[in-house]
Amino acid sequence: MRGSPLVEDFAYPGADAILAEHGLKLYSSGGHIEFVAPEDGACASGLVRVETTPDVEPFRGLYWFRTSGSRGFVTMEIPDAFRVRAGG
């Protein structure tokens, strides 16, 4: 008996929880860029930091993403973003 085929919809896993906790709207991803809890300090190797205007609620000013692999994509909505920085 065969089951139905698996179809990748690229929906971002845990997007509802991330929106509720961090105010960040994540729509889809290829799996190589992952939102991580906020960190302090310099942007370490393998991380991408997105900066926003800190006084725009509910946004906190900084969002961090961990990368794996040499290519990836993530579709998101970040109002008032003004800088993207990658470590390493």
PDB file of N, CA and C in Angstrom:
ATOM      1  N   MET A   1       0.830  -1.172   0.000  1.00  0.00           N
ATOM      2  CA  MET A   1       0.000   0.000   0.000  1.00  0.00           C
ATOM      3  C   MET A   1       0.880   1.242   0.000  1.00  0.00           C
ATOM      4  N   ARG A   2       0.644   2.109  -0.888  1.00  0.00           N
ATOM      5  CA  ARG A   2       1.456   3.315  -1.002  1.00  0.00           C
ATOM      6  C   ARG A   2       0.749   4.482  -0.330  1.00  0.00           C
ATOM      7  N   GLY A   3       1.538   5.301   0.380  1.00  0.00           N
ATOM      8  CA  GLY A   3       0.994   6.508   0.977  1.00  0.00           C
ATOM      9  C   GLY A   3       1.071   7.660  -0.009  1.00  0.00           C
ATOM     10  N   SER A   4       0.552   8.774   0.401  1.00  0.00           N
ATOM     11  CA  SER A   4       0.621   9.945  -0.474  1.00  0.00           C
ATOM     12  C   SER A   4       2.051  10.465  -0.503  1.00  0.00           C
ATOM     13  N   PRO A   5       2.454  11.059  -1.614  1.00  0.00           N
ATOM     14  CA  PRO A   5       3.828  11.550  -1.729  1.00  0.00           C
ATOM     15  C   PRO A   5       4.062  12.744  -0.801  1.00  0.00           C
ATOM     16  N   LEU A   6       5.285  12.871  -0.336  1.00  0.00           N
ATOM     17  CA  LEU A   6       5.659  14.017   0.474  1.00  0.00           C
ATOM     18  C   LEU A   6       5.907  15.210  -0.436  1.00  0.00           C
ATOM     19  N   VAL A   7       5.393  16.351  -0.063  1.00  0.00           N
ATOM     20  CA  VAL A   7       5.577  17.563  -0.838  1.00  0.00           C
ATOM     21  C   VAL A   7       6.119  18.640   0.099  1.00  0.00           C
ATOM     22  N   GLU A   8       7.243  19.192  -0.228  1.00  0.00           N
ATOM     23  CA  GLU A   8       7.848  20.256   0.583  1.00  0.00           C
ATOM     24  C   GLU A   8       7.138  21.560   0.292  1.00  0.00           C
ATOM     25  N   ASP A   9       6.598  22.192   1.334  1.00  0.00           N
ATOM     26  CA  ASP A   9       5.910  23.472   1.131  1.00  0.00           C
ATOM     27  C   ASP A   9       6.789  24.654   1.547  1.00  0.00           C
ATOM     28  N   PHE A  10       7.960  24.381   2.104  1.00  0.00           N
ATOM     29  CA  PHE A  10       8.933  25.389   2.523  1.00  0.00           C
ATOM     30  C   PHE A  10       8.405  26.320   3.612  1.00  0.00           C
ATOM     31  N   ALA A  11       7.303  25.966   4.281  1.00  0.00           N
ATOM     32  CA  ALA A  11       6.795  26.785   5.384  1.00  0.00           C
ATOM     33  C   ALA A  11       7.845  26.820   6.488  1.00  0.00           C
ATOM     34  N   TYR A  12       8.015  27.971   7.114  1.00  0.00           N
ATOM     35  CA  TYR A  12       9.033  28.109   8.152  1.00  0.00           C
ATOM     36  C   TYR A  12       8.559  27.391   9.409  1.00  0.00           C
ATOM     37  N   PRO A  13       9.329  26.413   9.916  1.00  0.00           N
ATOM     38  CA  PRO A  13       8.915  25.671  11.106  1.00  0.00           C
ATOM     39  C   PRO A  13       8.894  26.574  12.346  1.00  0.00           C
ATOM     40  N   GLY A  14       7.820  26.499  13.124  1.00  0.00           N
ATOM     41  CA  GLY A  14       7.722  27.284  14.350  1.00  0.00           C
ATOM     42  C   GLY A  14       7.440  28.758  14.128  1.00  0.00           C
ATOM     43  N   ALA A  15       6.982  29.128  12.941  1.00  0.00           N
ATOM     44  CA  ALA A  15       6.778  30.546  12.620  1.00  0.00           C
ATOM     45  C   ALA A  15       5.784  31.222  13.557  1.00  0.00           C
ATOM     46  N   ASP A  16       4.718  30.536  13.943  1.00  0.00           N
ATOM     47  CA  ASP A  16       3.720  31.139  14.833  1.00  0.00           C
ATOM     48  C   ASP A  16       4.307  31.454  16.203  1.00  0.00           C
ATOM     49  N   ALA A  17       5.116  30.552  16.746  1.00  0.00           N
ATOM     50  CA  ALA A  17       5.743  30.779  18.050  1.00  0.00           C
ATOM     51  C   ALA A  17       6.758  31.918  17.979  1.00  0.00           C
ATOM     52  N   ILE A  18       7.510  32.004  16.899  1.00  0.00           N
ATOM     53  CA  ILE A  18       8.500  33.079  16.734  1.00  0.00           C
ATOM     54  C   ILE A  18       7.793  34.426  16.623  1.00  0.00           C
ATOM     55  N   LEU A  19       6.676  34.459  15.895  1.00  0.00           N
ATOM     56  CA  LEU A  19       5.901  35.695  15.790  1.00  0.00           C
ATOM     57  C   LEU A  19       5.372  36.111  17.154  1.00  0.00           C
ATOM     58  N   ALA A  20       4.822  35.177  17.916  1.00  0.00           N
ATOM     59  CA  ALA A  20       4.264  35.490  19.230  1.00  0.00           C
ATOM     60  C   ALA A  20       5.327  35.970  20.213  1.00  0.00           C
ATOM     61  N   GLU A  21       6.493  35.343  20.200  1.00  0.00           N
ATOM     62  CA  GLU A  21       7.535  35.659  21.178  1.00  0.00           C
ATOM     63  C   GLU A  21       8.433  36.814  20.764  1.00  0.00           C
ATOM     64  N   HIS A  22       8.728  36.936  19.471  1.00  0.00           N
ATOM     65  CA  HIS A  22       9.724  37.905  19.016  1.00  0.00           C
ATOM     66  C   HIS A  22       9.174  38.962  18.058  1.00  0.00           C
ATOM     67  N   GLY A  23       7.926  38.809  17.619  1.00  0.00           N
ATOM     68  CA  GLY A  23       7.330  39.776  16.706  1.00  0.00           C
ATOM     69  C   GLY A  23       7.893  39.726  15.305  1.00  0.00           C
ATOM     70  N   LEU A  24       8.467  38.600  14.917  1.00  0.00           N
ATOM     71  CA  LEU A  24       9.108  38.442  13.614  1.00  0.00           C
ATOM     72  C   LEU A  24       8.264  37.525  12.740  1.00  0.00           C
ATOM     73  N   LYS A  25       7.896  37.984  11.552  1.00  0.00           N
ATOM     74  CA  LYS A  25       7.095  37.182  10.634  1.00  0.00           C
ATOM     75  C   LYS A  25       8.009  36.441   9.670  1.00  0.00           C
ATOM     76  N   LEU A  26       8.066  35.118   9.825  1.00  0.00           N
ATOM     77  CA  LEU A  26       8.843  34.251   8.946  1.00  0.00           C
ATOM     78  C   LEU A  26       7.867  33.434   8.117  1.00  0.00           C
ATOM     79  N   TYR A  27       8.038  33.454   6.786  1.00  0.00           N
ATOM     80  CA  TYR A  27       7.097  32.787   5.902  1.00  0.00           C
ATOM     81  C   TYR A  27       7.611  31.460   5.360  1.00  0.00           C
ATOM     82  N   SER A  28       8.816  31.453   4.819  1.00  0.00           N
ATOM     83  CA  SER A  28       9.320  30.218   4.216  1.00  0.00           C
ATOM     84  C   SER A  28      10.838  30.188   4.283  1.00  0.00           C
ATOM     85  N   SER A  29      11.374  28.983   4.077  1.00  0.00           N
ATOM     86  CA  SER A  29      12.821  28.806   4.163  1.00  0.00           C
ATOM     87  C   SER A  29      13.225  27.552   3.412  1.00  0.00           C
ATOM     88  N   GLY A  30      14.447  27.561   2.930  1.00  0.00           N
ATOM     89  CA  GLY A  30      15.000  26.379   2.295  1.00  0.00           C
ATOM     90  C   GLY A  30      15.708  25.480   3.296  1.00  0.00           C
ATOM     91  N   GLY A  31      15.699  25.868   4.575  1.00  0.00           N
ATOM     92  CA  GLY A  31      16.265  25.024   5.617  1.00  0.00           C
ATOM     93  C   GLY A  31      17.690  25.337   6.013  1.00  0.00           C
ATOM     94  N   HIS A  32      18.342  26.274   5.368  1.00  0.00           N
ATOM     95  CA  HIS A  32      19.740  26.563   5.700  1.00  0.00           C
ATOM     96  C   HIS A  32      19.930  27.881   6.434  1.00  0.00           C
ATOM     97  N   ILE A  33      18.833  28.561   6.757  1.00  0.00           N
ATOM     98  CA  ILE A  33      18.892  29.797   7.540  1.00  0.00           C
ATOM     99  C   ILE A  33      17.853  29.661   8.644  1.00  0.00           C
ATOM    100  N   GLU A  34      18.319  29.622   9.906  1.00  0.00           N
ATOM    101  CA  GLU A  34      17.460  29.327  11.044  1.00  0.00           C
ATOM    102  C   GLU A  34      17.474  30.484  12.038  1.00  0.00           C
ATOM    103  N   PHE A  35      16.307  30.947  12.452  1.00  0.00           N
ATOM    104  CA  PHE A  35      16.209  31.969  13.487  1.00  0.00           C
ATOM    105  C   PHE A  35      16.716  31.384  14.793  1.00  0.00           C
ATOM    106  N   VAL A  36      17.529  32.150  15.508  1.00  0.00           N
ATOM    107  CA  VAL A  36      18.022  31.725  16.822  1.00  0.00           C
ATOM    108  C   VAL A  36      17.707  32.808  17.839  1.00  0.00           C
ATOM    109  N   ALA A  37      17.690  32.429  19.107  1.00  0.00           N
ATOM    110  CA  ALA A  37      17.407  33.374  20.179  1.00  0.00           C
ATOM    111  C   ALA A  37      18.397  34.537  20.117  1.00  0.00           C
ATOM    112  N   PRO A  38      17.970  35.730  20.503  1.00  0.00           N
ATOM    113  CA  PRO A  38      18.851  36.902  20.448  1.00  0.00           C
ATOM    114  C   PRO A  38      20.156  36.691  21.211  1.00  0.00           C
ATOM    115  N   GLU A  39      21.213  37.223  20.648  1.00  0.00           N
ATOM    116  CA  GLU A  39      22.535  37.152  21.258  1.00  0.00           C
ATOM    117  C   GLU A  39      23.076  38.557  21.418  1.00  0.00           C
ATOM    118  N   ASP A  40      24.082  38.699  22.247  1.00  0.00           N
ATOM    119  CA  ASP A  40      24.735  39.987  22.436  1.00  0.00           C
ATOM    120  C   ASP A  40      26.125  39.947  21.817  1.00  0.00           C
ATOM    121  N   GLY A  41      26.663  41.104  21.527  1.00  0.00           N
ATOM    122  CA  GLY A  41      28.033  41.188  21.073  1.00  0.00           C
ATOM    123  C   GLY A  41      28.192  41.123  19.579  1.00  0.00           C
ATOM    124  N   ALA A  42      29.417  40.786  19.177  1.00  0.00           N
ATOM    125  CA  ALA A  42      29.783  40.757  17.767  1.00  0.00           C
ATOM    126  C   ALA A  42      29.073  39.617  17.045  1.00  0.00           C
ATOM    127  N   CYS A  43      28.998  39.741  15.760  1.00  0.00           N
ATOM    128  CA  CYS A  43      28.353  38.729  14.930  1.00  0.00           C
ATOM    129  C   CYS A  43      29.355  37.600  14.677  1.00  0.00           C
ATOM    130  N   ALA A  44      29.149  36.477  15.333  1.00  0.00           N
ATOM    131  CA  ALA A  44      30.073  35.348  15.251  1.00  0.00           C
ATOM    132  C   ALA A  44      29.980  34.660  13.894  1.00  0.00           C
ATOM    133  N   SER A  45      30.979  33.880  13.586  1.00  0.00           N
ATOM    134  CA  SER A  45      31.005  33.125  12.345  1.00  0.00           C
ATOM    135  C   SER A  45      29.783  32.212  12.255  1.00  0.00           C
ATOM    136  N   GLY A  46      29.168  32.172  11.091  1.00  0.00           N
ATOM    137  CA  GLY A  46      27.995  31.342  10.890  1.00  0.00           C
ATOM    138  C   GLY A  46      26.691  32.001  11.285  1.00  0.00           C
ATOM    139  N   LEU A  47      26.743  33.248  11.756  1.00  0.00           N
ATOM    140  CA  LEU A  47      25.530  33.969  12.133  1.00  0.00           C
ATOM    141  C   LEU A  47      25.308  35.166  11.219  1.00  0.00           C
ATOM    142  N   VAL A  48      24.046  35.512  11.048  1.00  0.00           N
ATOM    143  CA  VAL A  48      23.646  36.712  10.322  1.00  0.00           C
ATOM    144  C   VAL A  48      22.812  37.539  11.287  1.00  0.00           C
ATOM    145  N   ARG A  49      23.118  38.827  11.385  1.00  0.00           N
ATOM    146  CA  ARG A  49      22.369  39.715  12.278  1.00  0.00           C
ATOM    147  C   ARG A  49      21.623  40.738  11.433  1.00  0.00           C
ATOM    148  N   VAL A  50      20.320  40.879  11.702  1.00  0.00           N
ATOM    149  CA  VAL A  50      19.498  41.884  11.042  1.00  0.00           C
ATOM    150  C   VAL A  50      19.133  42.919  12.093  1.00  0.00           C
ATOM    151  N   GLU A  51      19.432  44.189  11.798  1.00  0.00           N
ATOM    152  CA  GLU A  51      19.146  45.270  12.738  1.00  0.00           C
ATOM    153  C   GLU A  51      17.950  46.070  12.259  1.00  0.00           C
ATOM    154  N   THR A  52      17.100  46.436  13.209  1.00  0.00           N
ATOM    155  CA  THR A  52      15.945  47.274  12.928  1.00  0.00           C
ATOM    156  C   THR A  52      15.978  48.492  13.836  1.00  0.00           C
ATOM    157  N   THR A  53      15.081  49.427  13.556  1.00  0.00           N
ATOM    158  CA  THR A  53      14.935  50.565  14.441  1.00  0.00           C
ATOM    159  C   THR A  53      14.428  50.039  15.780  1.00  0.00           C
ATOM    160  N   PRO A  54      15.170  50.210  16.873  1.00  0.00           N
ATOM    161  CA  PRO A  54      14.816  49.564  18.141  1.00  0.00           C
ATOM    162  C   PRO A  54      13.549  50.083  18.806  1.00  0.00           C
ATOM    163  N   ASP A  55      13.086  51.272  18.468  1.00  0.00           N
ATOM    164  CA  ASP A  55      11.913  51.796  19.150  1.00  0.00           C
ATOM    165  C   ASP A  55      10.604  51.478  18.432  1.00  0.00           C
ATOM    166  N   VAL A  56      10.644  50.614  17.422  1.00  0.00           N
ATOM    167  CA  VAL A  56       9.428  50.211  16.720  1.00  0.00           C
ATOM    168  C   VAL A  56       8.908  48.938  17.382  1.00  0.00           C
ATOM    169  N   GLU A  57       7.776  49.038  18.075  1.00  0.00           N
ATOM    170  CA  GLU A  57       7.199  47.875  18.755  1.00  0.00           C
ATOM    171  C   GLU A  57       6.439  47.018  17.762  1.00  0.00           C
ATOM    172  N   PRO A  58       6.425  45.704  17.876  1.00  0.00           N
ATOM    173  CA  PRO A  58       7.007  44.904  18.947  1.00  0.00           C
ATOM    174  C   PRO A  58       8.440  44.475  18.665  1.00  0.00           C
ATOM    175  N   PHE A  59       9.094  45.135  17.740  1.00  0.00           N
ATOM    176  CA  PHE A  59      10.415  44.707  17.303  1.00  0.00           C
ATOM    177  C   PHE A  59      11.483  45.102  18.313  1.00  0.00           C
ATOM    178  N   ARG A  60      12.477  44.267  18.468  1.00  0.00           N
ATOM    179  CA  ARG A  60      13.484  44.418  19.523  1.00  0.00           C
ATOM    180  C   ARG A  60      14.780  45.072  19.060  1.00  0.00           C
ATOM    181  N   GLY A  61      14.926  45.310  17.763  1.00  0.00           N
ATOM    182  CA  GLY A  61      16.147  45.936  17.274  1.00  0.00           C
ATOM    183  C   GLY A  61      17.124  44.985  16.611  1.00  0.00           C
ATOM    184  N   LEU A  62      17.240  43.731  17.096  1.00  0.00           N
ATOM    185  CA  LEU A  62      18.187  42.760  16.531  1.00  0.00           C
ATOM    186  C   LEU A  62      17.525  41.400  16.350  1.00  0.00           C
ATOM    187  N   TYR A  63      17.795  40.779  15.217  1.00  0.00           N
ATOM    188  CA  TYR A  63      17.367  39.402  14.972  1.00  0.00           C
ATOM    189  C   TYR A  63      18.585  38.617  14.510  1.00  0.00           C
ATOM    190  N   TRP A  64      18.732  37.397  14.992  1.00  0.00           N
ATOM    191  CA  TRP A  64      19.881  36.555  14.666  1.00  0.00           C
ATOM    192  C   TRP A  64      19.433  35.315  13.913  1.00  0.00           C
ATOM    193  N   PHE A  65      20.258  34.904  12.946  1.00  0.00           N
ATOM    194  CA  PHE A  65      19.998  33.707  12.162  1.00  0.00           C
ATOM    195  C   PHE A  65      21.286  32.900  12.052  1.00  0.00           C
ATOM    196  N   ARG A  66      21.168  31.585  12.195  1.00  0.00           N
ATOM    197  CA  ARG A  66      22.320  30.684  12.028  1.00  0.00           C
ATOM    198  C   ARG A  66      22.236  30.113  10.615  1.00  0.00           C
ATOM    199  N   THR A  67      23.367  30.057   9.960  1.00  0.00           N
ATOM    200  CA  THR A  67      23.416  29.516   8.608  1.00  0.00           C
ATOM    201  C   THR A  67      24.114  28.162   8.603  1.00  0.00           C
ATOM    202  N   SER A  68      23.683  27.312   7.684  1.00  0.00           N
ATOM    203  CA  SER A  68      24.357  26.031   7.471  1.00  0.00           C
ATOM    204  C   SER A  68      24.385  25.806   5.960  1.00  0.00           C
ATOM    205  N   GLY A  69      25.492  25.402   5.472  1.00  0.00           N
ATOM    206  CA  GLY A  69      25.622  25.228   4.029  1.00  0.00           C
ATOM    207  C   GLY A  69      26.055  26.531   3.374  1.00  0.00           C
ATOM    208  N   SER A  70      26.304  26.458   2.090  1.00  0.00           N
ATOM    209  CA  SER A  70      26.817  27.630   1.374  1.00  0.00           C
ATOM    210  C   SER A  70      25.719  28.459   0.713  1.00  0.00           C
ATOM    211  N   ARG A  71      24.486  27.933   0.667  1.00  0.00           N
ATOM    212  CA  ARG A  71      23.378  28.665   0.048  1.00  0.00           C
ATOM    213  C   ARG A  71      22.120  28.454   0.871  1.00  0.00           C
ATOM    214  N   GLY A  72      21.240  29.422   0.829  1.00  0.00           N
ATOM    215  CA  GLY A  72      19.972  29.277   1.528  1.00  0.00           C
ATOM    216  C   GLY A  72      19.083  30.476   1.273  1.00  0.00           C
ATOM    217  N   PHE A  73      17.837  30.365   1.699  1.00  0.00           N
ATOM    218  CA  PHE A  73      16.936  31.498   1.591  1.00  0.00           C
ATOM    219  C   PHE A  73      15.951  31.464   2.744  1.00  0.00           C
ATOM    220  N   VAL A  74      15.456  32.614   3.098  1.00  0.00           N
ATOM    221  CA  VAL A  74      14.379  32.742   4.066  1.00  0.00           C
ATOM    222  C   VAL A  74      13.540  33.944   3.635  1.00  0.00           C
ATOM    223  N   THR A  75      12.226  33.780   3.666  1.00  0.00           N
ATOM    224  CA  THR A  75      11.314  34.872   3.339  1.00  0.00           C
ATOM    225  C   THR A  75      10.714  35.358   4.646  1.00  0.00           C
ATOM    226  N   MET A  76      10.863  36.660   4.909  1.00  0.00           N
ATOM    227  CA  MET A  76      10.411  37.208   6.179  1.00  0.00           C
ATOM    228  C   MET A  76       9.941  38.635   5.999  1.00  0.00           C
ATOM    229  N   GLU A  77       9.320  39.158   7.029  1.00  0.00           N
ATOM    230  CA  GLU A  77       8.879  40.549   7.037  1.00  0.00           C
ATOM    231  C   GLU A  77       9.476  41.213   8.267  1.00  0.00           C
ATOM    232  N   ILE A  78      10.370  42.180   8.032  1.00  0.00           N
ATOM    233  CA  ILE A  78      11.009  42.911   9.125  1.00  0.00           C
ATOM    234  C   ILE A  78      10.894  44.405   8.825  1.00  0.00           C
ATOM    235  N   PRO A  79       9.872  45.067   9.364  1.00  0.00           N
ATOM    236  CA  PRO A  79       9.742  46.511   9.143  1.00  0.00           C
ATOM    237  C   PRO A  79      10.923  47.278   9.737  1.00  0.00           C
ATOM    238  N   ASP A  80      11.309  48.340   9.070  1.00  0.00           N
ATOM    239  CA  ASP A  80      12.360  49.245   9.526  1.00  0.00           C
ATOM    240  C   ASP A  80      13.730  48.597   9.663  1.00  0.00           C
ATOM    241  N   ALA A  81      13.992  47.520   8.885  1.00  0.00           N
ATOM    242  CA  ALA A  81      15.332  46.925   8.880  1.00  0.00           C
ATOM    243  C   ALA A  81      16.264  47.876   8.148  1.00  0.00           C
ATOM    244  N   PHE A  82      17.468  48.055   8.677  1.00  0.00           N
ATOM    245  CA  PHE A  82      18.397  48.964   8.011  1.00  0.00           C
ATOM    246  C   PHE A  82      19.792  48.384   7.840  1.00  0.00           C
ATOM    247  N   ARG A  83      20.074  47.224   8.416  1.00  0.00           N
ATOM    248  CA  ARG A  83      21.411  46.642   8.243  1.00  0.00           C
ATOM    249  C   ARG A  83      21.355  45.127   8.391  1.00  0.00           C
ATOM    250  N   VAL A  84      22.115  44.456   7.542  1.00  0.00           N
ATOM    251  CA  VAL A  84      22.295  43.009   7.646  1.00  0.00           C
ATOM    252  C   VAL A  84      23.791  42.779   7.721  1.00  0.00           C
ATOM    253  N   ARG A  85      24.221  42.029   8.715  1.00  0.00           N
ATOM    254  CA  ARG A  85      25.655  41.783   8.921  1.00  0.00           C
ATOM    255  C   ARG A  85      25.869  40.290   9.092  1.00  0.00           C
ATOM    256  N   ALA A  86      26.894  39.759   8.453  1.00  0.00           N
ATOM    257  CA  ALA A  86      27.242  38.345   8.582  1.00  0.00           C
ATOM    258  C   ALA A  86      28.613  38.206   9.203  1.00  0.00           C
ATOM    259  N   GLY A  87      28.748  37.247  10.104  1.00  0.00           N
ATOM    260  CA  GLY A  87      30.037  36.991  10.739  1.00  0.00           C
ATOM    261  C   GLY A  87      30.829  35.965   9.955  1.00  0.00           C
ATOM    262  N   GLY A  88      32.118  36.188   9.848  1.00  0.00           N
ATOM    263  CA  GLY A  88      33.006  35.236   9.193  1.00  0.00           C
ATOM    264  C   GLY A  88      32.805  35.206   7.717  1.00  0.00           C
TER     265      GLY A  88
END
